[in-house]
Amino acid sequence: DPDQFVRSAAVGALAKISPTPTDVLADIVAVLSDEESYPRKGAIQAIAALDLDPATKLPHVLTALADTDGDVLQEAAQAAGALGTSGAEAVPLLLPLLSHEEKWVRSHAADAVGEIGGSAEAVAALRKLLADPEEWVRQRAADALGKIGALAEDAVPDLAKLAADDPDDDVRRAAVEALAALGATEVAAASVDDLVRMLWSSDGTERASAAQSLGALGPAARAAVPELARALRDPAWGDVRKETLKRFTVMGMIMIPMEQIEAIGAMDQRIHVTTALR
């Protein structure tokens, strides 16, 4: 079709047909060479969504990771991360994206490296991102280092500094969880007071995240038990209906049916408190 948005919509429709027709992949892959970026973005989204084995998807994900458009690269990085350890060949193409000029490309690339599993080179690049000017990128870099595990042990001092000094609550929390994942719970324990403060944030999702982080620290967070118990006794603590509606509202438009928003918002977040206490 001459209209790029029609081409993109057609690609998306093909990807939703289930079971996947055996001959549909070639038509979608062809759109990765489209002259417009919007259909190319749709094509890599569609490839990621198809019910195909990782080995079949990988060559096309690698093609998309060589694109020049930021939106396409974001989707390609997400598709690479979804391959998990089967996407190891994508890591050399993801590493340059960790220093891309667009913050969302950097953050999605960091996510992907964390999901796939990194190398010493990847760990070094992620450690640099811990000083990124964008808080979302710092958060995703910390998460990725925690997922990589033992290979990222050299990042413990950087993560400890982030957990103690970063101005953003979510970044500090991500650093604490990464430290816990790396076995540095005693180092992370210095952040328990900060996490206890976050337990009483006005934002319900932030409260739940703080409880999860305290749980990740295990016995090192024992001092938080009285405040977690206090949260468990407070029905209002677990109410995230307001935050849920806000999350699914973009430019005044509600993006999913209200009944779904109400169902998500009705989930009592005190479940995270019980998990942390356990």
Protein backbone atom coordinates (compact mmCIF):
# COMPACT_ATOMS: atom_id res chain seq x y z
CA ASP A 1 0.00 0.00 0.00
CA PRO A 2 1.29 3.53 -0.70
CA ASP A 3 0.46 4.72 2.84
CA GLN A 4 3.09 3.80 5.46
CA PHE A 5 0.53 3.59 8.26
CA VAL A 6 -1.58 1.14 6.29
CA ARG A 7 1.51 -0.99 5.65
CA SER A 8 2.32 -0.94 9.36
CA ALA A 9 -1.24 -1.87 10.33
CA ALA A 10 -1.22 -4.76 7.84
CA VAL A 11 1.98 -6.10 9.40
CA GLY A 12 0.44 -5.87 12.86
CA ALA A 13 -2.68 -7.70 11.69
CA LEU A 14 -0.63 -10.53 10.21
CA ALA A 15 1.18 -10.99 13.50
CA LYS A 16 -2.10 -11.34 15.41
CA ILE A 17 -3.46 -14.21 13.30
CA SER A 18 -3.25 -17.42 15.29
CA PRO A 19 -2.00 -19.97 14.63
CA THR A 20 0.70 -18.19 12.65
CA PRO A 21 0.41 -18.99 8.93
CA THR A 22 3.56 -20.77 7.79
CA ASP A 23 4.21 -18.36 4.93
CA VAL A 24 3.70 -15.04 6.75
CA LEU A 25 7.24 -14.46 8.07
CA ALA A 26 8.77 -13.65 4.69
CA ASP A 27 6.17 -10.94 4.03
CA ILE A 28 6.81 -9.33 7.42
CA VAL A 29 10.60 -9.56 7.07
CA ALA A 30 10.37 -7.75 3.74
CA VAL A 31 8.95 -4.73 5.57
CA LEU A 32 12.19 -4.43 7.57
CA SER A 33 13.55 -2.84 4.37
CA ASP A 34 10.69 -0.34 4.04
CA GLU A 35 11.81 3.19 3.18
CA GLU A 36 9.74 4.58 6.08
CA SER A 37 10.62 3.92 9.71
CA TYR A 38 7.06 3.39 10.98
CA PRO A 39 6.47 0.16 9.03
CA ARG A 40 9.97 -1.06 9.96
CA LYS A 41 9.08 -0.50 13.62
CA GLY A 42 5.84 -2.43 13.09
CA ALA A 43 7.71 -5.26 11.40
CA ILE A 44 10.13 -5.89 14.27
CA GLN A 45 7.24 -5.67 16.75
CA ALA A 46 5.41 -8.27 14.68
CA ILE A 47 8.41 -10.59 14.46
CA ALA A 48 8.80 -10.39 18.24
CA ALA A 49 5.11 -11.27 18.67
CA LEU A 50 5.06 -14.26 16.31
CA ASP A 51 4.90 -17.71 17.89
CA LEU A 52 8.22 -18.84 16.44
CA ASP A 53 11.35 -20.29 17.99
CA PRO A 54 14.16 -17.84 18.95
CA ALA A 55 16.55 -19.22 16.32
CA THR A 56 14.10 -18.26 13.57
CA LYS A 57 13.63 -14.74 14.94
CA LEU A 58 17.28 -13.98 15.71
CA PRO A 59 18.58 -13.11 12.19
CA HIS A 60 15.77 -10.59 11.72
CA VAL A 61 16.32 -9.06 15.14
CA LEU A 62 19.99 -8.60 14.20
CA THR A 63 18.88 -6.86 11.00
CA ALA A 64 16.67 -4.46 12.96
CA LEU A 65 19.48 -3.72 15.44
CA ALA A 66 21.44 -2.28 12.51
CA ASP A 67 18.67 0.24 11.75
CA THR A 68 19.34 3.98 12.06
CA ASP A 69 15.96 5.07 13.45
CA GLY A 70 15.64 5.41 17.22
CA ASP A 71 12.08 4.06 17.39
CA VAL A 72 13.03 0.97 15.40
CA LEU A 73 16.10 0.43 17.58
CA GLN A 74 13.98 0.57 20.75
CA GLU A 75 11.72 -2.18 19.42
CA ALA A 76 14.69 -4.19 18.15
CA ALA A 77 16.35 -4.03 21.57
CA GLN A 78 13.15 -5.23 23.24
CA ALA A 79 12.87 -8.06 20.72
CA ALA A 80 16.48 -9.05 21.42
CA GLY A 81 15.89 -9.08 25.17
CA ALA A 82 12.81 -11.28 24.72
CA LEU A 83 15.07 -13.94 23.17
CA GLY A 84 16.87 -14.36 26.50
CA THR A 85 20.08 -16.34 26.37
CA SER A 86 19.23 -17.37 22.79
CA GLY A 87 19.96 -13.78 21.77
CA ALA A 88 23.67 -13.84 22.67
CA GLU A 89 24.64 -12.91 19.10
CA ALA A 90 22.78 -9.63 19.55
CA VAL A 91 24.98 -8.38 22.40
CA PRO A 92 27.76 -6.94 20.14
CA LEU A 93 25.07 -4.91 18.33
CA LEU A 94 23.45 -3.82 21.59
CA LEU A 95 26.67 -2.50 23.16
CA PRO A 96 26.93 0.58 20.87
CA LEU A 97 23.28 1.36 21.65
CA LEU A 98 24.17 1.78 25.32
CA SER A 99 25.72 5.12 24.32
CA HIS A 100 23.02 6.11 21.78
CA GLU A 101 21.90 9.73 21.85
CA GLU A 102 18.28 8.77 22.59
CA LYS A 103 17.61 7.83 26.21
CA TRP A 104 14.94 5.26 25.37
CA VAL A 105 17.33 3.42 23.08
CA ARG A 106 19.95 3.36 25.84
CA SER A 107 17.45 2.10 28.42
CA HIS A 108 15.97 -0.63 26.21
CA ALA A 109 19.46 -1.75 25.21
CA ALA A 110 20.40 -2.00 28.89
CA ASP A 111 17.27 -4.07 29.55
CA ALA A 112 18.14 -6.40 26.68
CA VAL A 113 21.72 -6.96 27.81
CA GLY A 114 20.43 -7.79 31.29
CA GLU A 115 17.92 -10.32 29.92
CA ILE A 116 20.41 -11.97 27.57
CA GLY A 117 23.36 -12.04 29.96
CA GLY A 118 26.41 -9.91 29.49
CA SER A 119 30.14 -10.01 29.06
CA ALA A 120 32.90 -8.10 30.82
CA GLU A 121 32.58 -5.48 28.08
CA ALA A 122 28.82 -5.22 28.66
CA VAL A 123 29.30 -4.84 32.41
CA ALA A 124 31.80 -2.02 31.84
CA ALA A 125 29.34 -0.23 29.53
CA LEU A 126 26.46 -0.65 31.99
CA ARG A 127 28.60 0.71 34.84
CA LYS A 128 29.11 3.87 32.78
CA LEU A 129 25.33 4.17 32.41
CA LEU A 130 24.99 4.33 36.20
CA ALA A 131 26.16 7.94 35.79
CA ASP A 132 23.78 8.70 32.89
CA PRO A 133 21.99 12.09 33.16
CA GLU A 134 18.61 10.36 32.68
CA GLU A 135 17.23 8.66 35.79
CA TRP A 136 15.33 6.03 33.79
CA VAL A 137 18.57 4.94 32.11
CA ARG A 138 20.39 4.71 35.45
CA GLN A 139 17.56 2.60 36.81
CA ARG A 140 17.58 0.19 33.87
CA ALA A 141 21.38 -0.11 34.01
CA ALA A 142 21.21 -1.03 37.69
CA ASP A 143 18.50 -3.61 36.99
CA ALA A 144 20.58 -5.12 34.18
CA LEU A 145 23.68 -5.46 36.37
CA GLY A 146 21.63 -7.27 39.00
CA LYS A 147 20.30 -9.70 36.39
CA ILE A 148 23.77 -10.40 34.97
CA GLY A 149 24.84 -11.66 38.37
CA ALA A 150 28.33 -12.76 39.43
CA LEU A 151 30.01 -11.33 36.33
CA ALA A 152 28.92 -7.86 37.52
CA GLU A 153 30.43 -8.08 41.02
CA ASP A 154 32.91 -5.30 40.20
CA ALA A 155 29.92 -2.94 39.94
CA VAL A 156 29.11 -3.26 43.67
CA PRO A 157 30.92 -0.02 44.69
CA ASP A 158 29.16 1.91 41.90
CA LEU A 159 25.78 0.49 42.88
CA ALA A 160 26.40 1.23 46.56
CA LYS A 161 27.12 4.87 45.71
CA LEU A 162 23.96 5.00 43.59
CA ALA A 163 21.89 3.46 46.39
CA ALA A 164 23.16 6.06 48.83
CA ASP A 165 23.39 9.24 46.78
CA ASP A 166 21.14 9.20 43.70
CA PRO A 167 18.48 11.94 43.81
CA ASP A 168 15.81 9.66 42.30
CA ASP A 169 13.92 7.24 44.58
CA ASP A 170 13.41 4.61 41.88
CA VAL A 171 17.09 4.63 40.93
CA ARG A 172 18.14 4.13 44.55
CA ARG A 173 15.65 1.30 44.90
CA ALA A 174 16.91 -0.38 41.71
CA ALA A 175 20.48 -0.11 42.97
CA VAL A 176 19.51 -1.74 46.27
CA GLU A 177 17.82 -4.64 44.49
CA ALA A 178 20.84 -5.07 42.22
CA LEU A 179 23.13 -5.17 45.25
CA ALA A 180 20.91 -7.83 46.81
CA ALA A 181 20.98 -9.86 43.60
CA LEU A 182 24.78 -9.68 43.62
CA GLY A 183 24.91 -10.91 47.21
CA ALA A 184 26.03 -7.55 48.64
CA THR A 185 23.13 -7.35 51.10
CA GLU A 186 25.23 -5.91 53.91
CA VAL A 187 26.33 -3.07 51.63
CA ALA A 188 22.73 -2.48 50.58
CA ALA A 189 21.55 -2.52 54.19
CA ALA A 190 22.72 1.08 54.50
CA SER A 191 19.67 1.97 52.38
CA VAL A 192 17.08 0.39 54.69
CA ASP A 193 16.16 3.72 56.32
CA ASP A 194 15.62 5.28 52.91
CA LEU A 195 13.42 2.38 51.80
CA VAL A 196 11.39 2.62 55.03
CA ARG A 197 10.77 6.29 54.23
CA MET A 198 9.60 5.24 50.74
CA LEU A 199 7.15 2.80 52.36
CA TRP A 200 5.06 5.84 53.25
CA SER A 201 5.25 7.66 49.91
CA SER A 202 2.06 9.27 48.64
CA ASP A 203 2.47 7.12 45.49
CA GLY A 204 1.09 3.61 45.99
CA THR A 205 3.26 1.95 43.36
CA GLU A 206 6.35 3.47 44.98
CA ARG A 207 5.24 2.10 48.35
CA ALA A 208 4.89 -1.37 46.85
CA SER A 209 8.30 -1.11 45.18
CA ALA A 210 9.91 -0.18 48.50
CA ALA A 211 8.39 -3.26 50.13
CA GLN A 212 9.73 -5.44 47.31
CA SER A 213 13.22 -3.97 47.72
CA LEU A 214 13.19 -4.59 51.46
CA GLY A 215 12.16 -8.18 50.81
CA ALA A 216 15.05 -8.57 48.34
CA LEU A 217 17.48 -7.60 51.12
CA GLY A 218 16.24 -10.40 53.34
CA PRO A 219 17.60 -10.46 56.91
CA ALA A 220 19.72 -7.37 56.24
CA ALA A 221 16.44 -5.37 56.29
CA ARG A 222 15.23 -6.79 59.61
CA ALA A 223 15.04 -3.28 61.10
CA ALA A 224 12.16 -2.54 58.70
CA VAL A 225 9.89 -5.24 60.15
CA PRO A 226 7.90 -2.90 62.46
CA GLU A 227 7.10 -0.52 59.59
CA LEU A 228 6.19 -3.38 57.27
CA ALA A 229 3.86 -4.72 59.97
CA ARG A 230 2.33 -1.27 60.28
CA ALA A 231 1.75 -1.20 56.52
CA LEU A 232 0.15 -4.64 56.68
CA ARG A 233 -2.43 -3.36 59.18
CA ASP A 234 -3.37 -0.37 56.99
CA PRO A 235 -5.88 -1.13 54.17
CA ALA A 236 -5.19 2.28 52.60
CA TRP A 237 -1.51 1.36 52.19
CA GLY A 238 -2.31 -1.17 49.47
CA ASP A 239 -4.65 1.06 47.43
CA VAL A 240 -3.16 1.92 44.00
CA ARG A 241 -6.36 2.75 42.10
CA LYS A 242 -5.34 6.37 41.49
CA GLU A 243 -1.86 5.45 40.26
CA THR A 244 -3.24 2.70 38.02
CA LEU A 245 -5.64 5.06 36.26
CA LYS A 246 -2.82 7.57 35.77
CA ARG A 247 -0.52 4.91 34.32
CA PHE A 248 -3.01 3.98 31.61
CA THR A 249 -4.04 7.54 30.71
CA VAL A 250 -2.08 9.29 27.96
CA MET A 251 -2.87 12.87 26.93
CA GLY A 252 -6.26 12.60 28.62
CA MET A 253 -7.17 9.35 26.84
CA ILE A 254 -7.71 6.11 28.77
CA MET A 255 -5.78 3.47 26.83
CA ILE A 256 -7.44 0.26 28.06
CA PRO A 257 -11.02 -0.57 29.16
CA MET A 258 -11.95 0.87 32.54
CA GLU A 259 -12.92 -2.56 33.86
CA GLN A 260 -9.33 -3.71 33.31
CA ILE A 261 -7.97 -0.63 35.08
CA GLU A 262 -10.33 -1.24 37.98
CA ALA A 263 -9.31 -4.89 38.18
CA ILE A 264 -5.61 -4.00 38.30
CA GLY A 265 -6.17 -1.18 40.77
CA ALA A 266 -8.23 -3.42 43.04
CA MET A 267 -5.27 -5.72 43.71
CA ASP A 268 -4.23 -5.03 47.29
CA GLN A 269 -0.55 -4.16 47.20
CA ARG A 270 -0.08 -5.43 50.75
CA ILE A 271 0.70 -8.74 49.09
CA HIS A 272 4.22 -7.30 48.61
CA VAL A 273 4.44 -6.69 52.35
CA THR A 274 3.61 -10.30 53.16
CA THR A 275 6.21 -11.46 50.64
CA ALA A 276 8.83 -9.15 52.14
CA LEU A 277 8.11 -10.32 55.67
CA ARG A 278 8.32 -13.93 54.59
